[in-house]
């Protein structure tokens, strides 16, 4: 992920706070891959897990969890995955 510098007037949260939350969530999903909801309406064998206003889309393989996308939950998911 790449973050652009922010101005204190724009946000009070440091730009890497969200990055750190995602990394922590990715690590949790690697340990408990079935924690996410199955999403067969979007793609076979895909799961999603919320993190704040975002959804983490991932797929579980035998030895790894692959993070496919992180999208804002307000996006048109069916359009994106079609």
PDB file of N, CA and C in Angstrom:
ATOM      1  N   UNK A   1       0.838  -1.169   0.000  1.00  0.00           N
ATOM      2  CA  UNK A   1       0.000   0.000   0.000  1.00  0.00           C
ATOM      3  C   UNK A   1       0.882   1.231   0.000  1.00  0.00           C
ATOM      4  N   UNK A   2       0.401   2.269  -0.640  1.00  0.00           N
ATOM      5  CA  UNK A   2       1.126   3.531  -0.675  1.00  0.00           C
ATOM      6  C   UNK A   2       0.227   4.604  -0.086  1.00  0.00           C
ATOM      7  N   UNK A   3       0.753   5.371   0.857  1.00  0.00           N
ATOM      8  CA  UNK A   3      -0.004   6.444   1.469  1.00  0.00           C
ATOM      9  C   UNK A   3       0.618   7.776   1.102  1.00  0.00           C
ATOM     10  N   UNK A   4      -0.239   8.726   0.812  1.00  0.00           N
ATOM     11  CA  UNK A   4       0.220  10.076   0.524  1.00  0.00           C
ATOM     12  C   UNK A   4       0.265  10.866   1.825  1.00  0.00           C
ATOM     13  N   UNK A   5       1.165  11.829   1.926  1.00  0.00           N
ATOM     14  CA  UNK A   5       1.202  12.656   3.136  1.00  0.00           C
ATOM     15  C   UNK A   5      -0.137  13.362   3.335  1.00  0.00           C
ATOM     16  N   UNK A   6      -0.511  13.540   4.586  1.00  0.00           N
ATOM     17  CA  UNK A   6      -1.775  14.209   4.877  1.00  0.00           C
ATOM     18  C   UNK A   6      -1.522  15.445   5.720  1.00  0.00           C
ATOM     19  N   UNK A   7      -2.451  16.347   5.669  1.00  0.00           N
ATOM     20  CA  UNK A   7      -2.398  17.565   6.459  1.00  0.00           C
ATOM     21  C   UNK A   7      -3.206  17.354   7.736  1.00  0.00           C
ATOM     22  N   UNK A   8      -2.773  17.907   8.861  1.00  0.00           N
ATOM     23  CA  UNK A   8      -3.547  17.765  10.103  1.00  0.00           C
ATOM     24  C   UNK A   8      -4.970  18.298   9.971  1.00  0.00           C
ATOM     25  N   UNK A   9      -5.188  19.252   9.056  1.00  0.00           N
ATOM     26  CA  UNK A   9      -6.530  19.786   8.864  1.00  0.00           C
ATOM     27  C   UNK A   9      -7.443  18.766   8.185  1.00  0.00           C
ATOM     28  N   UNK A  10      -6.869  17.832   7.448  1.00  0.00           N
ATOM     29  CA  UNK A  10      -7.659  16.844   6.714  1.00  0.00           C
ATOM     30  C   UNK A  10      -8.074  15.701   7.629  1.00  0.00           C
ATOM     31  N   UNK A  11      -7.178  15.223   8.433  1.00  0.00           N
ATOM     32  CA  UNK A  11      -7.474  14.079   9.294  1.00  0.00           C
ATOM     33  C   UNK A  11      -6.697  14.177  10.596  1.00  0.00           C
ATOM     34  N   UNK A  12      -7.295  13.669  11.639  1.00  0.00           N
ATOM     35  CA  UNK A  12      -6.598  13.640  12.924  1.00  0.00           C
ATOM     36  C   UNK A  12      -5.904  12.304  13.151  1.00  0.00           C
ATOM     37  N   UNK A  13      -6.188  11.312  12.302  1.00  0.00           N
ATOM     38  CA  UNK A  13      -5.581   9.990  12.451  1.00  0.00           C
ATOM     39  C   UNK A  13      -4.335   9.887  11.583  1.00  0.00           C
ATOM     40  N   UNK A  14      -3.282   9.284  12.103  1.00  0.00           N
ATOM     41  CA  UNK A  14      -2.084   9.108  11.282  1.00  0.00           C
ATOM     42  C   UNK A  14      -2.380   8.188  10.099  1.00  0.00           C
ATOM     43  N   UNK A  15      -1.769   8.442   8.954  1.00  0.00           N
ATOM     44  CA  UNK A  15      -2.089   7.652   7.756  1.00  0.00           C
ATOM     45  C   UNK A  15      -1.745   6.182   7.887  1.00  0.00           C
ATOM     46  N   UNK A  16      -0.803   5.845   8.747  1.00  0.00           N
ATOM     47  CA  UNK A  16      -0.431   4.442   8.870  1.00  0.00           C
ATOM     48  C   UNK A  16      -1.308   3.683   9.858  1.00  0.00           C
ATOM     49  N   UNK A  17      -2.215   4.360  10.545  1.00  0.00           N
ATOM     50  CA  UNK A  17      -3.111   3.674  11.477  1.00  0.00           C
ATOM     51  C   UNK A  17      -3.989   2.673  10.731  1.00  0.00           C
ATOM     52  N   UNK A  18      -4.525   3.068   9.594  1.00  0.00           N
ATOM     53  CA  UNK A  18      -5.354   2.165   8.796  1.00  0.00           C
ATOM     54  C   UNK A  18      -4.514   1.013   8.259  1.00  0.00           C
ATOM     55  N   UNK A  19      -3.337   1.320   7.798  1.00  0.00           N
ATOM     56  CA  UNK A  19      -2.414   0.286   7.314  1.00  0.00           C
ATOM     57  C   UNK A  19      -2.150  -0.744   8.414  1.00  0.00           C
ATOM     58  N   UNK A  20      -1.879  -0.273   9.617  1.00  0.00           N
ATOM     59  CA  UNK A  20      -1.608  -1.167  10.741  1.00  0.00           C
ATOM     60  C   UNK A  20      -2.821  -2.037  11.062  1.00  0.00           C
ATOM     61  N   UNK A  21      -4.014  -1.458  10.981  1.00  0.00           N
ATOM     62  CA  UNK A  21      -5.232  -2.238  11.220  1.00  0.00           C
ATOM     63  C   UNK A  21      -5.390  -3.331  10.177  1.00  0.00           C
ATOM     64  N   UNK A  22      -5.111  -3.002   8.911  1.00  0.00           N
ATOM     65  CA  UNK A  22      -5.214  -4.020   7.861  1.00  0.00           C
ATOM     66  C   UNK A  22      -4.199  -5.142   8.085  1.00  0.00           C
ATOM     67  N   UNK A  23      -2.975  -4.790   8.402  1.00  0.00           N
ATOM     68  CA  UNK A  23      -1.949  -5.812   8.634  1.00  0.00           C
ATOM     69  C   UNK A  23      -2.362  -6.729   9.785  1.00  0.00           C
ATOM     70  N   UNK A  24      -2.877  -6.156  10.858  1.00  0.00           N
ATOM     71  CA  UNK A  24      -3.335  -6.969  11.992  1.00  0.00           C
ATOM     72  C   UNK A  24      -4.470  -7.893  11.573  1.00  0.00           C
ATOM     73  N   UNK A  25      -5.379  -7.380  10.761  1.00  0.00           N
ATOM     74  CA  UNK A  25      -6.505  -8.199  10.297  1.00  0.00           C
ATOM     75  C   UNK A  25      -6.013  -9.294   9.359  1.00  0.00           C
ATOM     76  N   UNK A  26      -5.070  -8.986   8.472  1.00  0.00           N
ATOM     77  CA  UNK A  26      -4.517 -10.013   7.577  1.00  0.00           C
ATOM     78  C   UNK A  26      -3.891 -11.144   8.393  1.00  0.00           C
ATOM     79  N   UNK A  27      -3.160 -10.785   9.433  1.00  0.00           N
ATOM     80  CA  UNK A  27      -2.529 -11.796  10.283  1.00  0.00           C
ATOM     81  C   UNK A  27      -3.575 -12.655  10.986  1.00  0.00           C
ATOM     82  N   UNK A  28      -4.664 -12.027  11.456  1.00  0.00           N
ATOM     83  CA  UNK A  28      -5.740 -12.769  12.099  1.00  0.00           C
ATOM     84  C   UNK A  28      -6.381 -13.735  11.105  1.00  0.00           C
ATOM     85  N   UNK A  29      -6.616 -13.278   9.875  1.00  0.00           N
ATOM     86  CA  UNK A  29      -7.229 -14.138   8.863  1.00  0.00           C
ATOM     87  C   UNK A  29      -6.316 -15.299   8.485  1.00  0.00           C
ATOM     88  N   UNK A  30      -5.019 -15.080   8.518  1.00  0.00           N
ATOM     89  CA  UNK A  30      -4.081 -16.168   8.241  1.00  0.00           C
ATOM     90  C   UNK A  30      -4.193 -17.257   9.306  1.00  0.00           C
ATOM     91  N   UNK A  31      -4.488 -16.860  10.538  1.00  0.00           N
ATOM     92  CA  UNK A  31      -4.623 -17.823  11.638  1.00  0.00           C
ATOM     93  C   UNK A  31      -6.006 -18.477  11.684  1.00  0.00           C
ATOM     94  N   UNK A  32      -7.035 -17.722  11.308  1.00  0.00           N
ATOM     95  CA  UNK A  32      -8.417 -18.223  11.357  1.00  0.00           C
ATOM     96  C   UNK A  32      -9.123 -17.905  10.040  1.00  0.00           C
ATOM     97  N   UNK A  33      -8.753 -18.577   8.968  1.00  0.00           N
ATOM     98  CA  UNK A  33      -9.273 -18.230   7.646  1.00  0.00           C
ATOM     99  C   UNK A  33     -10.777 -18.421   7.471  1.00  0.00           C
ATOM    100  N   UNK A  34     -11.395 -19.231   8.297  1.00  0.00           N
ATOM    101  CA  UNK A  34     -12.839 -19.433   8.165  1.00  0.00           C
ATOM    102  C   UNK A  34     -13.638 -18.339   8.879  1.00  0.00           C
ATOM    103  N   UNK A  35     -12.964 -17.356   9.452  1.00  0.00           N
ATOM    104  CA  UNK A  35     -13.640 -16.277  10.175  1.00  0.00           C
ATOM    105  C   UNK A  35     -14.499 -15.427   9.251  1.00  0.00           C
ATOM    106  N   UNK A  36     -14.094 -15.299   8.012  1.00  0.00           N
ATOM    107  CA  UNK A  36     -14.832 -14.470   7.069  1.00  0.00           C
ATOM    108  C   UNK A  36     -16.064 -15.160   6.516  1.00  0.00           C
ATOM    109  N   UNK A  37     -16.939 -14.349   5.975  1.00  0.00           N
ATOM    110  CA  UNK A  37     -18.186 -14.827   5.386  1.00  0.00           C
ATOM    111  C   UNK A  37     -17.935 -15.319   3.969  1.00  0.00           C
ATOM    112  N   UNK A  38     -18.497 -16.459   3.618  1.00  0.00           N
ATOM    113  CA  UNK A  38     -18.405 -16.940   2.240  1.00  0.00           C
ATOM    114  C   UNK A  38     -19.201 -16.008   1.335  1.00  0.00           C
ATOM    115  N   UNK A  39     -18.676 -15.743   0.137  1.00  0.00           N
ATOM    116  CA  UNK A  39     -19.319 -14.823  -0.808  1.00  0.00           C
ATOM    117  C   UNK A  39     -19.483 -15.462  -2.185  1.00  0.00           C
ATOM    118  N   UNK A  40     -20.228 -16.573  -2.293  1.00  0.00           N
ATOM    119  CA  UNK A  40     -20.375 -17.249  -3.583  1.00  0.00           C
ATOM    120  C   UNK A  40     -21.081 -16.399  -4.633  1.00  0.00           C
ATOM    121  N   UNK A  41     -21.845 -15.398  -4.205  1.00  0.00           N
ATOM    122  CA  UNK A  41     -22.526 -14.528  -5.169  1.00  0.00           C
ATOM    123  C   UNK A  41     -21.543 -13.621  -5.907  1.00  0.00           C
ATOM    124  N   UNK A  42     -20.341 -13.467  -5.371  1.00  0.00           N
ATOM    125  CA  UNK A  42     -19.337 -12.612  -6.002  1.00  0.00           C
ATOM    126  C   UNK A  42     -18.317 -13.412  -6.799  1.00  0.00           C
ATOM    127  N   UNK A  43     -17.876 -14.537  -6.219  1.00  0.00           N
ATOM    128  CA  UNK A  43     -16.847 -15.353  -6.857  1.00  0.00           C
ATOM    129  C   UNK A  43     -16.769 -16.676  -6.093  1.00  0.00           C
ATOM    130  N   UNK A  44     -16.549 -17.780  -6.794  1.00  0.00           N
ATOM    131  CA  UNK A  44     -16.413 -19.052  -6.079  1.00  0.00           C
ATOM    132  C   UNK A  44     -15.212 -19.026  -5.124  1.00  0.00           C
ATOM    133  N   UNK A  45     -15.395 -19.624  -3.976  1.00  0.00           N
ATOM    134  CA  UNK A  45     -14.339 -19.818  -2.975  1.00  0.00           C
ATOM    135  C   UNK A  45     -13.741 -18.521  -2.436  1.00  0.00           C
ATOM    136  N   UNK A  46     -14.513 -17.459  -2.437  1.00  0.00           N
ATOM    137  CA  UNK A  46     -14.024 -16.190  -1.892  1.00  0.00           C
ATOM    138  C   UNK A  46     -14.748 -15.907  -0.577  1.00  0.00           C
ATOM    139  N   UNK A  47     -14.042 -15.257   0.325  1.00  0.00           N
ATOM    140  CA  UNK A  47     -14.606 -14.845   1.610  1.00  0.00           C
ATOM    141  C   UNK A  47     -14.355 -13.351   1.804  1.00  0.00           C
ATOM    142  N   UNK A  48     -15.140 -12.751   2.689  1.00  0.00           N
ATOM    143  CA  UNK A  48     -14.902 -11.350   3.037  1.00  0.00           C
ATOM    144  C   UNK A  48     -14.948 -11.202   4.550  1.00  0.00           C
ATOM    145  N   UNK A  49     -14.229 -10.190   5.021  1.00  0.00           N
ATOM    146  CA  UNK A  49     -14.204  -9.878   6.445  1.00  0.00           C
ATOM    147  C   UNK A  49     -14.149  -8.358   6.571  1.00  0.00           C
ATOM    148  N   UNK A  50     -14.998  -7.777   7.434  1.00  0.00           N
ATOM    149  CA  UNK A  50     -15.010  -6.317   7.561  1.00  0.00           C
ATOM    150  C   UNK A  50     -13.861  -5.792   8.409  1.00  0.00           C
ATOM    151  N   UNK A  51     -13.402  -4.623   8.036  1.00  0.00           N
ATOM    152  CA  UNK A  51     -12.443  -3.863   8.849  1.00  0.00           C
ATOM    153  C   UNK A  51     -12.841  -2.403   8.725  1.00  0.00           C
ATOM    154  N   UNK A  52     -13.535  -1.904   9.729  1.00  0.00           N
ATOM    155  CA  UNK A  52     -14.047  -0.537   9.654  1.00  0.00           C
ATOM    156  C   UNK A  52     -15.028  -0.423   8.498  1.00  0.00           C
ATOM    157  N   UNK A  53     -14.823   0.580   7.643  1.00  0.00           N
ATOM    158  CA  UNK A  53     -15.685   0.794   6.479  1.00  0.00           C
ATOM    159  C   UNK A  53     -15.244  -0.003   5.259  1.00  0.00           C
ATOM    160  N   UNK A  54     -14.327  -0.914   5.437  1.00  0.00           N
ATOM    161  CA  UNK A  54     -13.763  -1.669   4.321  1.00  0.00           C
ATOM    162  C   UNK A  54     -14.093  -3.148   4.449  1.00  0.00           C
ATOM    163  N   UNK A  55     -14.024  -3.830   3.318  1.00  0.00           N
ATOM    164  CA  UNK A  55     -14.164  -5.279   3.286  1.00  0.00           C
ATOM    165  C   UNK A  55     -12.886  -5.866   2.716  1.00  0.00           C
ATOM    166  N   UNK A  56     -12.368  -6.854   3.395  1.00  0.00           N
ATOM    167  CA  UNK A  56     -11.185  -7.574   2.929  1.00  0.00           C
ATOM    168  C   UNK A  56     -11.680  -8.829   2.227  1.00  0.00           C
ATOM    169  N   UNK A  57     -11.321  -8.982   0.973  1.00  0.00           N
ATOM    170  CA  UNK A  57     -11.697 -10.166   0.210  1.00  0.00           C
ATOM    171  C   UNK A  57     -10.476 -11.060   0.099  1.00  0.00           C
ATOM    172  N   UNK A  58     -10.678 -12.328   0.390  1.00  0.00           N
ATOM    173  CA  UNK A  58      -9.547 -13.243   0.401  1.00  0.00           C
ATOM    174  C   UNK A  58     -10.001 -14.644   0.022  1.00  0.00           C
ATOM    175  N   UNK A  59      -9.013 -15.468  -0.240  1.00  0.00           N
ATOM    176  CA  UNK A  59      -9.265 -16.857  -0.592  1.00  0.00           C
ATOM    177  C   UNK A  59      -8.317 -17.732   0.219  1.00  0.00           C
ATOM    178  N   UNK A  60      -8.875 -18.804   0.741  1.00  0.00           N
ATOM    179  CA  UNK A  60      -8.092 -19.740   1.543  1.00  0.00           C
ATOM    180  C   UNK A  60      -7.570 -20.858   0.645  1.00  0.00           C
ATOM    181  N   UNK A  61      -6.272 -21.087   0.719  1.00  0.00           N
ATOM    182  CA  UNK A  61      -5.646 -22.211   0.036  1.00  0.00           C
ATOM    183  C   UNK A  61      -5.143 -23.177   1.104  1.00  0.00           C
ATOM    184  N   UNK A  62      -4.536 -24.259   0.697  1.00  0.00           N
ATOM    185  CA  UNK A  62      -4.114 -25.272   1.665  1.00  0.00           C
ATOM    186  C   UNK A  62      -3.175 -24.709   2.728  1.00  0.00           C
ATOM    187  N   UNK A  63      -2.190 -23.937   2.327  1.00  0.00           N
ATOM    188  CA  UNK A  63      -1.187 -23.451   3.281  1.00  0.00           C
ATOM    189  C   UNK A  63      -1.174 -21.943   3.478  1.00  0.00           C
ATOM    190  N   UNK A  64      -1.910 -21.215   2.674  1.00  0.00           N
ATOM    191  CA  UNK A  64      -1.871 -19.753   2.757  1.00  0.00           C
ATOM    192  C   UNK A  64      -3.265 -19.162   2.578  1.00  0.00           C
ATOM    193  N   UNK A  65      -3.374 -17.922   2.983  1.00  0.00           N
ATOM    194  CA  UNK A  65      -4.554 -17.112   2.707  1.00  0.00           C
ATOM    195  C   UNK A  65      -4.100 -16.006   1.772  1.00  0.00           C
ATOM    196  N   UNK A  66      -4.755 -15.891   0.635  1.00  0.00           N
ATOM    197  CA  UNK A  66      -4.406 -14.854  -0.342  1.00  0.00           C
ATOM    198  C   UNK A  66      -5.394 -13.699  -0.220  1.00  0.00           C
ATOM    199  N   UNK A  67      -4.878 -12.516   0.080  1.00  0.00           N
ATOM    200  CA  UNK A  67      -5.709 -11.316   0.116  1.00  0.00           C
ATOM    201  C   UNK A  67      -5.889 -10.872  -1.331  1.00  0.00           C
ATOM    202  N   UNK A  68      -7.134 -10.848  -1.786  1.00  0.00           N
ATOM    203  CA  UNK A  68      -7.412 -10.507  -3.178  1.00  0.00           C
ATOM    204  C   UNK A  68      -7.662  -9.019  -3.377  1.00  0.00           C
ATOM    205  N   UNK A  69      -8.455  -8.443  -2.482  1.00  0.00           N
ATOM    206  CA  UNK A  69      -8.807  -7.025  -2.611  1.00  0.00           C
ATOM    207  C   UNK A  69      -9.231  -6.482  -1.260  1.00  0.00           C
ATOM    208  N   UNK A  70      -9.078  -5.181  -1.116  1.00  0.00           N
ATOM    209  CA  UNK A  70      -9.644  -4.452   0.014  1.00  0.00           C
ATOM    210  C   UNK A  70     -10.441  -3.316  -0.605  1.00  0.00           C
ATOM    211  N   UNK A  71     -11.747  -3.318  -0.346  1.00  0.00           N
ATOM    212  CA  UNK A  71     -12.634  -2.338  -0.968  1.00  0.00           C
ATOM    213  C   UNK A  71     -13.487  -1.647   0.086  1.00  0.00           C
ATOM    214  N   UNK A  72     -13.840  -0.398  -0.194  1.00  0.00           N
ATOM    215  CA  UNK A  72     -14.773   0.300   0.678  1.00  0.00           C
ATOM    216  C   UNK A  72     -16.119  -0.401   0.586  1.00  0.00           C
ATOM    217  N   UNK A  73     -16.785  -0.556   1.707  1.00  0.00           N
ATOM    218  CA  UNK A  73     -18.033  -1.319   1.736  1.00  0.00           C
ATOM    219  C   UNK A  73     -19.177  -0.654   0.976  1.00  0.00           C
ATOM    220  N   UNK A  74     -19.050   0.626   0.646  1.00  0.00           N
ATOM    221  CA  UNK A  74     -20.107   1.308  -0.106  1.00  0.00           C
ATOM    222  C   UNK A  74     -20.010   1.068  -1.611  1.00  0.00           C
ATOM    223  N   UNK A  75     -18.947   0.432  -2.053  1.00  0.00           N
ATOM    224  CA  UNK A  75     -18.769   0.179  -3.488  1.00  0.00           C
ATOM    225  C   UNK A  75     -19.784  -0.847  -3.980  1.00  0.00           C
ATOM    226  N   UNK A  76     -20.041  -0.837  -5.286  1.00  0.00           N
ATOM    227  CA  UNK A  76     -20.933  -1.813  -5.919  1.00  0.00           C
ATOM    228  C   UNK A  76     -20.137  -3.101  -6.135  1.00  0.00           C
ATOM    229  N   UNK A  77     -20.201  -3.981  -5.177  1.00  0.00           N
ATOM    230  CA  UNK A  77     -19.370  -5.185  -5.190  1.00  0.00           C
ATOM    231  C   UNK A  77     -19.703  -6.118  -6.346  1.00  0.00           C
ATOM    232  N   UNK A  78     -20.983  -6.273  -6.640  1.00  0.00           N
ATOM    233  CA  UNK A  78     -21.361  -7.159  -7.746  1.00  0.00           C
ATOM    234  C   UNK A  78     -20.816  -6.643  -9.071  1.00  0.00           C
ATOM    235  N   UNK A  79     -20.807  -5.345  -9.251  1.00  0.00           N
ATOM    236  CA  UNK A  79     -20.255  -4.758 -10.480  1.00  0.00           C
ATOM    237  C   UNK A  79     -18.740  -4.978 -10.544  1.00  0.00           C
ATOM    238  N   UNK A  80     -18.062  -4.795  -9.446  1.00  0.00           N
ATOM    239  CA  UNK A  80     -16.607  -4.945  -9.413  1.00  0.00           C
ATOM    240  C   UNK A  80     -16.194  -6.382  -9.688  1.00  0.00           C
ATOM    241  N   UNK A  81     -16.910  -7.339  -9.116  1.00  0.00           N
ATOM    242  CA  UNK A  81     -16.531  -8.740  -9.261  1.00  0.00           C
ATOM    243  C   UNK A  81     -17.107  -9.402 -10.506  1.00  0.00           C
ATOM    244  N   UNK A  82     -17.938  -8.691 -11.258  1.00  0.00           N
ATOM    245  CA  UNK A  82     -18.527  -9.312 -12.462  1.00  0.00           C
ATOM    246  C   UNK A  82     -17.566  -9.321 -13.630  1.00  0.00           C
TER     247      UNK A  82
END
